[in-house]
């Protein structure tokens, strides 16, 4: 018979009789600064891994299938269901740069961490931030004062470099 260890709970803290319920982490999108731009990194895993017969080009928001991207999408959908404020967001693709969620992308294997894969240049990202306009109101990326990003450190570095001549405060969010 295996040796069992008895664990005593502290008597100072009452133990709830309620059943254990799996809790979900809080939605990080509910605490964004007003008017923030959210940037989500692309992922290596794409729809073609699960569905090889998918169309050659798929909207970016449907193409990326990595766990961090899917978690962000769940939080975004929750925010929309609960009537939260609209969120302006973009995807940072190592191949295409800053792209809108509905921009078509193809299956690719390009990463910032391996220069031999041919990632988009830092200067091209900088040019997108400084000169491109987006959304129906033609807002420039450089005009955002708060940039929240979800991605690895290398994505954070690229975002920081591309917003270097703006007044934006850049911070990571964890989804």
C-alpha atoms as a PDB file:
ATOM      1  CA  UNK A   1       0.000   0.000   0.000  1.00  0.00           C
ATOM      2  CA  UNK A   2       1.491   3.389  -1.020  1.00  0.00           C
ATOM      3  CA  UNK A   3       2.442   5.832   1.690  1.00  0.00           C
ATOM      4  CA  UNK A   4      -0.114   8.674   1.817  1.00  0.00           C
ATOM      5  CA  UNK A   5       0.739  12.140   3.028  1.00  0.00           C
ATOM      6  CA  UNK A   6      -1.913  14.007   4.935  1.00  0.00           C
ATOM      7  CA  UNK A   7      -2.149  17.722   4.247  1.00  0.00           C
ATOM      8  CA  UNK A   8      -3.653  19.953   6.910  1.00  0.00           C
ATOM      9  CA  UNK A   9      -5.418  23.102   5.794  1.00  0.00           C
ATOM     10  CA  UNK A  10      -4.833  26.204   7.908  1.00  0.00           C
ATOM     11  CA  UNK A  11      -7.685  26.703  10.345  1.00  0.00           C
ATOM     12  CA  UNK A  12      -7.606  30.510  10.034  1.00  0.00           C
ATOM     13  CA  UNK A  13      -8.962  30.406   6.470  1.00  0.00           C
ATOM     14  CA  UNK A  14     -12.436  28.999   5.951  1.00  0.00           C
ATOM     15  CA  UNK A  15     -12.729  26.444   3.181  1.00  0.00           C
ATOM     16  CA  UNK A  16     -15.618  27.007   0.818  1.00  0.00           C
ATOM     17  CA  UNK A  17     -18.015  24.151   0.279  1.00  0.00           C
ATOM     18  CA  UNK A  18     -18.644  25.404  -3.273  1.00  0.00           C
ATOM     19  CA  UNK A  19     -17.437  23.091  -6.007  1.00  0.00           C
ATOM     20  CA  UNK A  20     -14.204  23.961  -7.742  1.00  0.00           C
ATOM     21  CA  UNK A  21     -14.904  25.790 -10.953  1.00  0.00           C
ATOM     22  CA  UNK A  22     -12.350  26.326 -13.669  1.00  0.00           C
ATOM     23  CA  UNK A  23     -11.819  30.038 -13.870  1.00  0.00           C
ATOM     24  CA  UNK A  24     -10.750  31.928 -16.947  1.00  0.00           C
ATOM     25  CA  UNK A  25      -8.154  34.665 -16.726  1.00  0.00           C
ATOM     26  CA  UNK A  26      -9.591  38.161 -16.853  1.00  0.00           C
ATOM     27  CA  UNK A  27     -10.024  39.644 -20.295  1.00  0.00           C
ATOM     28  CA  UNK A  28      -7.027  41.973 -20.793  1.00  0.00           C
ATOM     29  CA  UNK A  29      -8.965  43.924 -23.412  1.00  0.00           C
ATOM     30  CA  UNK A  30     -11.337  45.344 -20.811  1.00  0.00           C
ATOM     31  CA  UNK A  31      -8.555  47.388 -19.205  1.00  0.00           C
ATOM     32  CA  UNK A  32      -7.033  49.028 -22.276  1.00  0.00           C
ATOM     33  CA  UNK A  33      -6.223  52.721 -22.176  1.00  0.00           C
ATOM     34  CA  UNK A  34      -8.803  54.758 -24.080  1.00  0.00           C
ATOM     35  CA  UNK A  35      -7.981  54.923 -27.779  1.00  0.00           C
ATOM     36  CA  UNK A  36      -5.227  52.314 -27.628  1.00  0.00           C
ATOM     37  CA  UNK A  37      -4.041  50.388 -30.655  1.00  0.00           C
ATOM     38  CA  UNK A  38      -3.678  46.658 -30.062  1.00  0.00           C
ATOM     39  CA  UNK A  39      -1.100  44.767 -32.098  1.00  0.00           C
ATOM     40  CA  UNK A  40      -1.124  40.974 -32.125  1.00  0.00           C
ATOM     41  CA  UNK A  41       1.742  38.918 -33.492  1.00  0.00           C
ATOM     42  CA  UNK A  42       1.273  36.450 -36.292  1.00  0.00           C
ATOM     43  CA  UNK A  43       1.872  32.794 -35.474  1.00  0.00           C
ATOM     44  CA  UNK A  44       3.791  30.005 -37.125  1.00  0.00           C
ATOM     45  CA  UNK A  45       0.738  27.751 -36.958  1.00  0.00           C
ATOM     46  CA  UNK A  46      -1.700  28.629 -39.689  1.00  0.00           C
ATOM     47  CA  UNK A  47      -4.961  27.242 -40.981  1.00  0.00           C
ATOM     48  CA  UNK A  48      -3.234  25.152 -43.644  1.00  0.00           C
ATOM     49  CA  UNK A  49      -1.756  22.857 -40.974  1.00  0.00           C
ATOM     50  CA  UNK A  50      -5.254  21.737 -39.977  1.00  0.00           C
ATOM     51  CA  UNK A  51      -6.961  22.251 -43.349  1.00  0.00           C
ATOM     52  CA  UNK A  52      -4.498  21.624 -46.184  1.00  0.00           C
ATOM     53  CA  UNK A  53      -7.279  22.251 -48.700  1.00  0.00           C
ATOM     54  CA  UNK A  54      -7.988  25.780 -47.451  1.00  0.00           C
ATOM     55  CA  UNK A  55      -7.954  28.502 -50.082  1.00  0.00           C
ATOM     56  CA  UNK A  56      -4.540  29.805 -51.111  1.00  0.00           C
ATOM     57  CA  UNK A  57      -5.311  33.196 -49.538  1.00  0.00           C
ATOM     58  CA  UNK A  58      -7.316  33.513 -46.314  1.00  0.00           C
ATOM     59  CA  UNK A  59      -8.146  36.607 -44.220  1.00  0.00           C
ATOM     60  CA  UNK A  60      -5.376  37.040 -41.649  1.00  0.00           C
ATOM     61  CA  UNK A  61      -7.774  36.810 -38.693  1.00  0.00           C
ATOM     62  CA  UNK A  62      -8.758  33.325 -39.887  1.00  0.00           C
ATOM     63  CA  UNK A  63      -5.322  32.180 -41.031  1.00  0.00           C
ATOM     64  CA  UNK A  64      -3.345  32.398 -37.789  1.00  0.00           C
ATOM     65  CA  UNK A  65      -4.048  29.421 -35.509  1.00  0.00           C
ATOM     66  CA  UNK A  66      -1.404  29.661 -32.766  1.00  0.00           C
ATOM     67  CA  UNK A  67      -2.655  29.465 -29.182  1.00  0.00           C
ATOM     68  CA  UNK A  68      -1.822  33.093 -28.351  1.00  0.00           C
ATOM     69  CA  UNK A  69      -3.629  34.395 -31.426  1.00  0.00           C
ATOM     70  CA  UNK A  70      -6.683  32.224 -30.770  1.00  0.00           C
ATOM     71  CA  UNK A  71      -6.743  33.388 -27.120  1.00  0.00           C
ATOM     72  CA  UNK A  72      -6.700  37.003 -28.305  1.00  0.00           C
ATOM     73  CA  UNK A  73      -9.583  36.288 -30.696  1.00  0.00           C
ATOM     74  CA  UNK A  74     -11.615  34.724 -27.856  1.00  0.00           C
ATOM     75  CA  UNK A  75     -11.045  37.830 -25.710  1.00  0.00           C
ATOM     76  CA  UNK A  76     -11.984  40.076 -28.630  1.00  0.00           C
ATOM     77  CA  UNK A  77     -15.195  38.124 -29.272  1.00  0.00           C
ATOM     78  CA  UNK A  78     -16.060  38.293 -25.559  1.00  0.00           C
ATOM     79  CA  UNK A  79     -15.467  42.048 -25.581  1.00  0.00           C
ATOM     80  CA  UNK A  80     -17.804  42.423 -28.556  1.00  0.00           C
ATOM     81  CA  UNK A  81     -20.516  40.195 -27.018  1.00  0.00           C
ATOM     82  CA  UNK A  82     -20.438  42.177 -23.788  1.00  0.00           C
ATOM     83  CA  UNK A  83     -20.819  45.482 -25.623  1.00  0.00           C
ATOM     84  CA  UNK A  84     -17.375  46.806 -24.784  1.00  0.00           C
ATOM     85  CA  UNK A  85     -15.786  49.620 -26.740  1.00  0.00           C
ATOM     86  CA  UNK A  86     -14.581  48.992 -30.262  1.00  0.00           C
ATOM     87  CA  UNK A  87     -10.950  48.010 -30.366  1.00  0.00           C
ATOM     88  CA  UNK A  88      -8.626  49.054 -33.132  1.00  0.00           C
ATOM     89  CA  UNK A  89      -6.226  46.229 -33.756  1.00  0.00           C
ATOM     90  CA  UNK A  90      -3.683  45.059 -36.274  1.00  0.00           C
ATOM     91  CA  UNK A  91      -1.577  41.986 -36.784  1.00  0.00           C
ATOM     92  CA  UNK A  92       2.196  42.224 -37.016  1.00  0.00           C
ATOM     93  CA  UNK A  93       3.232  39.698 -39.641  1.00  0.00           C
ATOM     94  CA  UNK A  94       6.918  38.894 -40.102  1.00  0.00           C
ATOM     95  CA  UNK A  95       6.205  38.659 -43.842  1.00  0.00           C
ATOM     96  CA  UNK A  96       3.723  41.483 -44.477  1.00  0.00           C
ATOM     97  CA  UNK A  97       4.307  43.930 -41.622  1.00  0.00           C
ATOM     98  CA  UNK A  98       1.330  45.622 -39.972  1.00  0.00           C
ATOM     99  CA  UNK A  99      -1.821  44.218 -41.547  1.00  0.00           C
ATOM    100  CA  UNK A 100      -5.513  44.583 -40.946  1.00  0.00           C
ATOM    101  CA  UNK A 101      -7.434  41.507 -39.752  1.00  0.00           C
ATOM    102  CA  UNK A 102      -9.199  40.977 -43.086  1.00  0.00           C
ATOM    103  CA  UNK A 103      -6.116  41.306 -45.283  1.00  0.00           C
ATOM    104  CA  UNK A 104      -5.611  38.089 -47.258  1.00  0.00           C
ATOM    105  CA  UNK A 105      -2.447  36.151 -46.421  1.00  0.00           C
ATOM    106  CA  UNK A 106      -0.980  32.977 -47.824  1.00  0.00           C
ATOM    107  CA  UNK A 107       0.828  30.126 -46.121  1.00  0.00           C
ATOM    108  CA  UNK A 108       4.359  31.242 -45.271  1.00  0.00           C
ATOM    109  CA  UNK A 109       7.178  30.461 -42.878  1.00  0.00           C
ATOM    110  CA  UNK A 110       8.870  33.777 -42.144  1.00  0.00           C
ATOM    111  CA  UNK A 111       9.987  34.813 -38.687  1.00  0.00           C
ATOM    112  CA  UNK A 112      11.771  37.783 -37.135  1.00  0.00           C
ATOM    113  CA  UNK A 113      14.007  35.425 -35.178  1.00  0.00           C
ATOM    114  CA  UNK A 114      15.614  33.985 -38.334  1.00  0.00           C
ATOM    115  CA  UNK A 115      16.865  36.623 -40.805  1.00  0.00           C
ATOM    116  CA  UNK A 116      17.406  33.920 -43.450  1.00  0.00           C
ATOM    117  CA  UNK A 117      13.614  33.595 -43.793  1.00  0.00           C
ATOM    118  CA  UNK A 118      13.441  37.156 -45.161  1.00  0.00           C
ATOM    119  CA  UNK A 119      11.299  39.021 -42.604  1.00  0.00           C
ATOM    120  CA  UNK A 120      10.003  42.483 -43.399  1.00  0.00           C
ATOM    121  CA  UNK A 121      12.627  45.121 -42.643  1.00  0.00           C
ATOM    122  CA  UNK A 122      12.622  47.425 -39.638  1.00  0.00           C
ATOM    123  CA  UNK A 123      12.616  50.428 -41.978  1.00  0.00           C
ATOM    124  CA  UNK A 124       9.536  49.160 -43.830  1.00  0.00           C
ATOM    125  CA  UNK A 125       7.730  48.718 -40.492  1.00  0.00           C
ATOM    126  CA  UNK A 126       8.815  52.234 -39.534  1.00  0.00           C
ATOM    127  CA  UNK A 127       7.443  53.568 -42.833  1.00  0.00           C
ATOM    128  CA  UNK A 128       4.110  51.837 -42.231  1.00  0.00           C
ATOM    129  CA  UNK A 129       3.827  53.484 -38.805  1.00  0.00           C
ATOM    130  CA  UNK A 130       4.889  56.933 -39.917  1.00  0.00           C
ATOM    131  CA  UNK A 131       3.054  57.247 -43.224  1.00  0.00           C
ATOM    132  CA  UNK A 132       0.180  54.799 -43.645  1.00  0.00           C
ATOM    133  CA  UNK A 133      -3.393  55.600 -42.716  1.00  0.00           C
ATOM    134  CA  UNK A 134      -5.932  52.972 -41.695  1.00  0.00           C
ATOM    135  CA  UNK A 135      -9.599  52.616 -40.841  1.00  0.00           C
ATOM    136  CA  UNK A 136     -12.473  54.622 -42.322  1.00  0.00           C
ATOM    137  CA  UNK A 137     -11.379  57.782 -40.487  1.00  0.00           C
ATOM    138  CA  UNK A 138      -7.895  57.505 -42.079  1.00  0.00           C
ATOM    139  CA  UNK A 139      -6.097  57.513 -38.723  1.00  0.00           C
ATOM    140  CA  UNK A 140      -2.330  57.279 -38.905  1.00  0.00           C
ATOM    141  CA  UNK A 141      -0.626  54.644 -36.788  1.00  0.00           C
ATOM    142  CA  UNK A 142       1.858  57.238 -35.528  1.00  0.00           C
ATOM    143  CA  UNK A 143      -1.000  59.195 -33.922  1.00  0.00           C
ATOM    144  CA  UNK A 144      -1.812  56.524 -31.325  1.00  0.00           C
ATOM    145  CA  UNK A 145      -0.530  57.349 -27.847  1.00  0.00           C
ATOM    146  CA  UNK A 146      -0.940  53.847 -26.376  1.00  0.00           C
ATOM    147  CA  UNK A 147       0.204  50.692 -28.147  1.00  0.00           C
ATOM    148  CA  UNK A 148      -0.620  47.411 -26.444  1.00  0.00           C
ATOM    149  CA  UNK A 149       0.850  44.276 -27.961  1.00  0.00           C
ATOM    150  CA  UNK A 150       0.538  40.554 -27.571  1.00  0.00           C
ATOM    151  CA  UNK A 151       3.585  38.658 -28.756  1.00  0.00           C
ATOM    152  CA  UNK A 152       7.103  37.581 -27.953  1.00  0.00           C
ATOM    153  CA  UNK A 153       9.929  39.928 -26.991  1.00  0.00           C
ATOM    154  CA  UNK A 154      11.222  40.127 -30.557  1.00  0.00           C
ATOM    155  CA  UNK A 155       7.816  41.389 -31.717  1.00  0.00           C
ATOM    156  CA  UNK A 156       7.871  43.942 -28.896  1.00  0.00           C
ATOM    157  CA  UNK A 157      11.318  45.085 -30.042  1.00  0.00           C
ATOM    158  CA  UNK A 158      10.134  45.496 -33.647  1.00  0.00           C
ATOM    159  CA  UNK A 159       7.081  47.434 -32.500  1.00  0.00           C
ATOM    160  CA  UNK A 160       9.267  49.683 -30.341  1.00  0.00           C
ATOM    161  CA  UNK A 161      11.646  50.372 -33.217  1.00  0.00           C
ATOM    162  CA  UNK A 162       8.853  51.111 -35.653  1.00  0.00           C
ATOM    163  CA  UNK A 163       7.149  53.566 -33.246  1.00  0.00           C
ATOM    164  CA  UNK A 164      10.465  55.123 -32.142  1.00  0.00           C
ATOM    165  CA  UNK A 165       9.713  58.637 -33.379  1.00  0.00           C
ATOM    166  CA  UNK A 166       6.219  58.825 -31.905  1.00  0.00           C
ATOM    167  CA  UNK A 167       4.928  59.730 -28.464  1.00  0.00           C
ATOM    168  CA  UNK A 168       3.374  56.277 -28.024  1.00  0.00           C
ATOM    169  CA  UNK A 169       3.709  54.341 -24.810  1.00  0.00           C
ATOM    170  CA  UNK A 170       4.174  50.666 -25.660  1.00  0.00           C
ATOM    171  CA  UNK A 171       3.238  47.866 -23.288  1.00  0.00           C
ATOM    172  CA  UNK A 172       2.708  44.126 -23.491  1.00  0.00           C
ATOM    173  CA  UNK A 173      -0.600  42.488 -22.688  1.00  0.00           C
ATOM    174  CA  UNK A 174      -0.874  38.826 -21.880  1.00  0.00           C
ATOM    175  CA  UNK A 175      -3.778  36.910 -23.364  1.00  0.00           C
END
